[in-house]
C-alpha atoms as a PDB file:
ATOM      1  CA  UNK A   1      10.324  34.320 -12.126  1.00  0.00           C
ATOM      2  CA  UNK A   2      10.661  31.662 -14.964  1.00  0.00           C
ATOM      3  CA  UNK A   3       7.151  30.704 -16.029  1.00  0.00           C
ATOM      4  CA  UNK A   4       6.275  28.097 -18.733  1.00  0.00           C
ATOM      5  CA  UNK A   5       4.900  30.087 -21.593  1.00  0.00           C
ATOM      6  CA  UNK A   6       1.420  29.765 -21.890  1.00  0.00           C
ATOM      7  CA  UNK A   7       1.433  28.163 -25.504  1.00  0.00           C
ATOM      8  CA  UNK A   8       4.491  25.740 -24.300  1.00  0.00           C
ATOM      9  CA  UNK A   9       2.242  22.591 -24.617  1.00  0.00           C
ATOM     10  CA  UNK A  10       1.833  23.244 -28.285  1.00  0.00           C
ATOM     11  CA  UNK A  11       4.863  25.419 -28.762  1.00  0.00           C
ATOM     12  CA  UNK A  12       7.428  23.474 -30.931  1.00  0.00           C
ATOM     13  CA  UNK A  13       9.934  25.832 -30.040  1.00  0.00           C
ATOM     14  CA  UNK A  14       9.414  26.004 -25.875  1.00  0.00           C
ATOM     15  CA  UNK A  15      12.465  23.542 -24.659  1.00  0.00           C
ATOM     16  CA  UNK A  16      10.900  21.705 -21.852  1.00  0.00           C
ATOM     17  CA  UNK A  17      13.946  19.881 -21.188  1.00  0.00           C
ATOM     18  CA  UNK A  18      15.798  23.013 -20.662  1.00  0.00           C
ATOM     19  CA  UNK A  19      13.631  24.945 -18.620  1.00  0.00           C
ATOM     20  CA  UNK A  20      12.768  21.623 -16.616  1.00  0.00           C
ATOM     21  CA  UNK A  21      16.515  21.022 -15.821  1.00  0.00           C
ATOM     22  CA  UNK A  22      16.608  25.104 -14.045  1.00  0.00           C
ATOM     23  CA  UNK A  23      13.960  24.050 -11.983  1.00  0.00           C
ATOM     24  CA  UNK A  24      14.807  20.857  -9.914  1.00  0.00           C
ATOM     25  CA  UNK A  25      13.810  20.521  -6.257  1.00  0.00           C
ATOM     26  CA  UNK A  26      16.991  23.114  -5.245  1.00  0.00           C
ATOM     27  CA  UNK A  27      14.790  26.060  -6.737  1.00  0.00           C
ATOM     28  CA  UNK A  28      11.587  25.151  -4.920  1.00  0.00           C
ATOM     29  CA  UNK A  29      12.243  23.298  -1.637  1.00  0.00           C
ATOM     30  CA  UNK A  30      13.537  26.377   0.358  1.00  0.00           C
ATOM     31  CA  UNK A  31      10.648  28.773  -0.353  1.00  0.00           C
ATOM     32  CA  UNK A  32       8.470  26.098   0.039  1.00  0.00           C
ATOM     33  CA  UNK A  33       9.735  25.237   2.903  1.00  0.00           C
ATOM     34  CA  UNK A  34       9.660  28.905   4.057  1.00  0.00           C
ATOM     35  CA  UNK A  35       5.994  29.354   3.265  1.00  0.00           C
ATOM     36  CA  UNK A  36       5.304  26.535   5.484  1.00  0.00           C
ATOM     37  CA  UNK A  37       6.729  27.829   8.188  1.00  0.00           C
ATOM     38  CA  UNK A  38       5.437  31.533   7.464  1.00  0.00           C
ATOM     39  CA  UNK A  39       1.926  29.899   7.845  1.00  0.00           C
ATOM     40  CA  UNK A  40       2.309  28.083  10.797  1.00  0.00           C
ATOM     41  CA  UNK A  41       3.550  31.204  12.693  1.00  0.00           C
ATOM     42  CA  UNK A  42       0.181  32.269  11.885  1.00  0.00           C
ATOM     43  CA  UNK A  43      -1.464  29.493  13.849  1.00  0.00           C
ATOM     44  CA  UNK A  44      -2.327  27.446  10.481  1.00  0.00           C
ATOM     45  CA  UNK A  45      -1.843  24.170  11.782  1.00  0.00           C
ATOM     46  CA  UNK A  46      -3.623  21.829   8.728  1.00  0.00           C
ATOM     47  CA  UNK A  47      -2.533  21.851   4.899  1.00  0.00           C
ATOM     48  CA  UNK A  48      -3.702  20.639   1.984  1.00  0.00           C
ATOM     49  CA  UNK A  49      -1.585  20.741  -1.069  1.00  0.00           C
ATOM     50  CA  UNK A  50      -2.247  20.656  -4.943  1.00  0.00           C
ATOM     51  CA  UNK A  51      -0.205  20.408  -7.199  1.00  0.00           C
ATOM     52  CA  UNK A  52      -0.814  20.661 -11.175  1.00  0.00           C
ATOM     53  CA  UNK A  53       1.994  19.302 -13.662  1.00  0.00           C
ATOM     54  CA  UNK A  54       5.635  20.601 -11.680  1.00  0.00           C
ATOM     55  CA  UNK A  55       3.645  21.082  -8.878  1.00  0.00           C
ATOM     56  CA  UNK A  56       3.548  17.518  -8.382  1.00  0.00           C
ATOM     57  CA  UNK A  57       7.142  16.990  -6.685  1.00  0.00           C
ATOM     58  CA  UNK A  58       6.332  19.558  -3.919  1.00  0.00           C
ATOM     59  CA  UNK A  59       3.052  18.320  -3.487  1.00  0.00           C
ATOM     60  CA  UNK A  60       4.362  14.865  -2.498  1.00  0.00           C
ATOM     61  CA  UNK A  61       7.595  16.324  -0.725  1.00  0.00           C
ATOM     62  CA  UNK A  62       5.176  17.955   1.818  1.00  0.00           C
ATOM     63  CA  UNK A  63       3.375  14.830   2.329  1.00  0.00           C
ATOM     64  CA  UNK A  64       6.014  12.708   2.312  1.00  0.00           C
ATOM     65  CA  UNK A  65       7.230  14.732   5.363  1.00  0.00           C
ATOM     66  CA  UNK A  66       3.648  15.067   6.952  1.00  0.00           C
ATOM     67  CA  UNK A  67       3.321  18.237   6.538  1.00  0.00           C
ATOM     68  CA  UNK A  68       0.693  18.285   4.439  1.00  0.00           C
ATOM     69  CA  UNK A  69      -2.287  16.498   5.440  1.00  0.00           C
ATOM     70  CA  UNK A  70      -4.056  15.804   2.430  1.00  0.00           C
ATOM     71  CA  UNK A  71      -2.805  15.750  -1.181  1.00  0.00           C
ATOM     72  CA  UNK A  72      -3.992  16.290  -4.667  1.00  0.00           C
ATOM     73  CA  UNK A  73      -2.150  16.273  -7.703  1.00  0.00           C
ATOM     74  CA  UNK A  74      -3.537  16.698 -11.428  1.00  0.00           C
ATOM     75  CA  UNK A  75      -2.045  15.491 -14.451  1.00  0.00           C
ATOM     76  CA  UNK A  76       1.467  15.001 -12.365  1.00  0.00           C
ATOM     77  CA  UNK A  77       4.689  15.831 -13.954  1.00  0.00           C
ATOM     78  CA  UNK A  78       8.315  14.700 -12.831  1.00  0.00           C
ATOM     79  CA  UNK A  79       7.754  11.583 -10.704  1.00  0.00           C
ATOM     80  CA  UNK A  80       9.733   8.895 -10.637  1.00  0.00           C
ATOM     81  CA  UNK A  81       7.254   6.025 -11.406  1.00  0.00           C
ATOM     82  CA  UNK A  82       7.443   3.606  -9.048  1.00  0.00           C
ATOM     83  CA  UNK A  83       9.933   5.065  -6.459  1.00  0.00           C
ATOM     84  CA  UNK A  84       7.612   7.932  -5.653  1.00  0.00           C
ATOM     85  CA  UNK A  85       4.804   6.126  -5.318  1.00  0.00           C
ATOM     86  CA  UNK A  86       6.460   3.973  -3.135  1.00  0.00           C
ATOM     87  CA  UNK A  87       7.997   6.701  -0.565  1.00  0.00           C
ATOM     88  CA  UNK A  88       4.901   8.130  -0.179  1.00  0.00           C
ATOM     89  CA  UNK A  89       2.737   4.920   0.568  1.00  0.00           C
ATOM     90  CA  UNK A  90       5.629   4.106   2.899  1.00  0.00           C
ATOM     91  CA  UNK A  91       6.148   7.686   4.528  1.00  0.00           C
ATOM     92  CA  UNK A  92       3.113   9.664   4.258  1.00  0.00           C
ATOM     93  CA  UNK A  93      -0.012   9.637   6.341  1.00  0.00           C
ATOM     94  CA  UNK A  94      -1.846  12.375   3.830  1.00  0.00           C
ATOM     95  CA  UNK A  95      -4.868  10.837   1.666  1.00  0.00           C
ATOM     96  CA  UNK A  96      -4.076  11.138  -1.890  1.00  0.00           C
ATOM     97  CA  UNK A  97      -6.116  12.018  -4.983  1.00  0.00           C
ATOM     98  CA  UNK A  98      -4.562  11.575  -8.689  1.00  0.00           C
ATOM     99  CA  UNK A  99      -6.775  13.727 -11.398  1.00  0.00           C
ATOM    100  CA  UNK A 100      -5.504  11.944 -14.622  1.00  0.00           C
ATOM    101  CA  UNK A 101      -6.257  11.980 -17.899  1.00  0.00           C
ATOM    102  CA  UNK A 102      -6.188   9.710 -21.249  1.00  0.00           C
ATOM    103  CA  UNK A 103      -3.214  11.697 -22.915  1.00  0.00           C
ATOM    104  CA  UNK A 104      -0.473  12.353 -20.913  1.00  0.00           C
ATOM    105  CA  UNK A 105       3.341  11.697 -21.663  1.00  0.00           C
ATOM    106  CA  UNK A 106       4.244  12.700 -18.037  1.00  0.00           C
ATOM    107  CA  UNK A 107       1.855  10.209 -16.176  1.00  0.00           C
ATOM    108  CA  UNK A 108       0.676   7.526 -18.900  1.00  0.00           C
ATOM    109  CA  UNK A 109      -1.588   4.565 -18.897  1.00  0.00           C
ATOM    110  CA  UNK A 110       0.970   2.544 -17.509  1.00  0.00           C
ATOM    111  CA  UNK A 111       2.009   4.916 -14.457  1.00  0.00           C
ATOM    112  CA  UNK A 112      -1.678   5.224 -13.695  1.00  0.00           C
ATOM    113  CA  UNK A 113      -1.948   1.644 -13.275  1.00  0.00           C
ATOM    114  CA  UNK A 114       0.928   1.550 -11.311  1.00  0.00           C
ATOM    115  CA  UNK A 115      -0.489   4.204  -9.169  1.00  0.00           C
ATOM    116  CA  UNK A 116      -3.636   1.902  -8.817  1.00  0.00           C
ATOM    117  CA  UNK A 117      -1.742  -1.219  -7.782  1.00  0.00           C
ATOM    118  CA  UNK A 118      -0.034   0.085  -5.055  1.00  0.00           C
ATOM    119  CA  UNK A 119      -2.349   2.305  -3.342  1.00  0.00           C
ATOM    120  CA  UNK A 120      -5.702   1.414  -4.822  1.00  0.00           C
ATOM    121  CA  UNK A 121      -8.049  -1.373  -3.005  1.00  0.00           C
ATOM    122  CA  UNK A 122      -7.540  -0.197   0.208  1.00  0.00           C
ATOM    123  CA  UNK A 123      -3.589  -0.513   0.037  1.00  0.00           C
ATOM    124  CA  UNK A 124      -2.946   2.790   1.147  1.00  0.00           C
ATOM    125  CA  UNK A 125      -4.661   3.172   4.843  1.00  0.00           C
ATOM    126  CA  UNK A 126      -5.178   6.864   4.817  1.00  0.00           C
ATOM    127  CA  UNK A 127      -7.177   7.022   1.336  1.00  0.00           C
ATOM    128  CA  UNK A 128      -6.806   6.878  -2.176  1.00  0.00           C
ATOM    129  CA  UNK A 129      -8.425   7.874  -5.251  1.00  0.00           C
ATOM    130  CA  UNK A 130      -7.821   8.278  -8.713  1.00  0.00           C
ATOM    131  CA  UNK A 131     -10.261  10.338 -11.436  1.00  0.00           C
ATOM    132  CA  UNK A 132      -9.763   9.438 -15.200  1.00  0.00           C
ATOM    133  CA  UNK A 133     -10.832  12.338 -17.528  1.00  0.00           C
ATOM    134  CA  UNK A 134     -11.338  10.756 -21.253  1.00  0.00           C
ATOM    135  CA  UNK A 135     -10.531  12.758 -23.786  1.00  0.00           C
ATOM    136  CA  UNK A 136      -8.620  15.029 -21.711  1.00  0.00           C
ATOM    137  CA  UNK A 137      -4.681  15.647 -22.487  1.00  0.00           C
ATOM    138  CA  UNK A 138      -2.121  16.598 -20.081  1.00  0.00           C
ATOM    139  CA  UNK A 139      -2.375  20.167 -18.319  1.00  0.00           C
ATOM    140  CA  UNK A 140      -6.795  19.696 -18.572  1.00  0.00           C
ATOM    141  CA  UNK A 141      -6.956  20.940 -14.972  1.00  0.00           C
ATOM    142  CA  UNK A 142      -5.652  24.243 -15.880  1.00  0.00           C
ATOM    143  CA  UNK A 143      -5.749  25.029 -19.557  1.00  0.00           C
ATOM    144  CA  UNK A 144      -7.728  23.238 -22.435  1.00  0.00           C
ATOM    145  CA  UNK A 145     -10.576  24.205 -24.783  1.00  0.00           C
ATOM    146  CA  UNK A 146     -12.991  24.759 -23.054  1.00  0.00           C
ATOM    147  CA  UNK A 147     -15.823  24.850 -26.217  1.00  0.00           C
ATOM    148  CA  UNK A 148     -14.778  20.832 -26.000  1.00  0.00           C
ATOM    149  CA  UNK A 149     -17.150  19.080 -23.620  1.00  0.00           C
ATOM    150  CA  UNK A 150     -15.153  16.395 -22.753  1.00  0.00           C
ATOM    151  CA  UNK A 151     -12.113  19.062 -21.662  1.00  0.00           C
ATOM    152  CA  UNK A 152     -15.104  20.873 -20.064  1.00  0.00           C
ATOM    153  CA  UNK A 153     -15.873  17.988 -18.015  1.00  0.00           C
ATOM    154  CA  UNK A 154     -12.334  17.253 -16.790  1.00  0.00           C
ATOM    155  CA  UNK A 155     -11.502  20.630 -15.764  1.00  0.00           C
ATOM    156  CA  UNK A 156     -15.063  20.992 -13.739  1.00  0.00           C
ATOM    157  CA  UNK A 157     -14.886  17.183 -12.545  1.00  0.00           C
ATOM    158  CA  UNK A 158     -11.514  17.341 -11.537  1.00  0.00           C
ATOM    159  CA  UNK A 159     -12.329  20.734  -9.605  1.00  0.00           C
ATOM    160  CA  UNK A 160     -15.252  19.034  -7.739  1.00  0.00           C
ATOM    161  CA  UNK A 161     -13.324  15.920  -7.406  1.00  0.00           C
ATOM    162  CA  UNK A 162     -10.386  17.980  -5.358  1.00  0.00           C
ATOM    163  CA  UNK A 163     -12.945  19.965  -3.309  1.00  0.00           C
ATOM    164  CA  UNK A 164     -14.454  16.777  -2.206  1.00  0.00           C
ATOM    165  CA  UNK A 165     -11.560  15.172  -1.454  1.00  0.00           C
ATOM    166  CA  UNK A 166      -9.979  17.958   0.657  1.00  0.00           C
ATOM    167  CA  UNK A 167     -13.370  18.550   2.228  1.00  0.00           C
ATOM    168  CA  UNK A 168     -13.145  14.883   2.844  1.00  0.00           C
ATOM    169  CA  UNK A 169     -10.226  14.276   4.851  1.00  0.00           C
ATOM    170  CA  UNK A 170      -9.194  17.956   6.003  1.00  0.00           C
END
């Protein structure tokens, strides 16, 4: 594989644009479809999907094809806002939880507001929730300084929200 380095969020030498340009839908869709097919062959009938950062597009893909029965994304990246949210609303039957945060260039406050406007207040019948973690930055649900009480609360809170949401809808 070609993983993102652990220090990518803070490294001035990591070229995100170059990395993302080599990891589009053409690199993940076929493997994702193969995993789903293999799981179905073993009898798995219901799927929950979680996507962190770059995992948001595959999670939305599985939800829009109604393969996923419940979807959670945390600090989502590479979504086209509002288009991907509108497609989700119009095609998916999977309830959606978005774990968001205060400082996130990939899913900034403006995108969070759009998500709430399109899906919130009962507008998305399957179910929609969004958590917001003050004092957290992009990547908080998987990385972060756990000695910082706000980051620790965000990471642990997003995990609990994810588990509770999946249990509620799956």
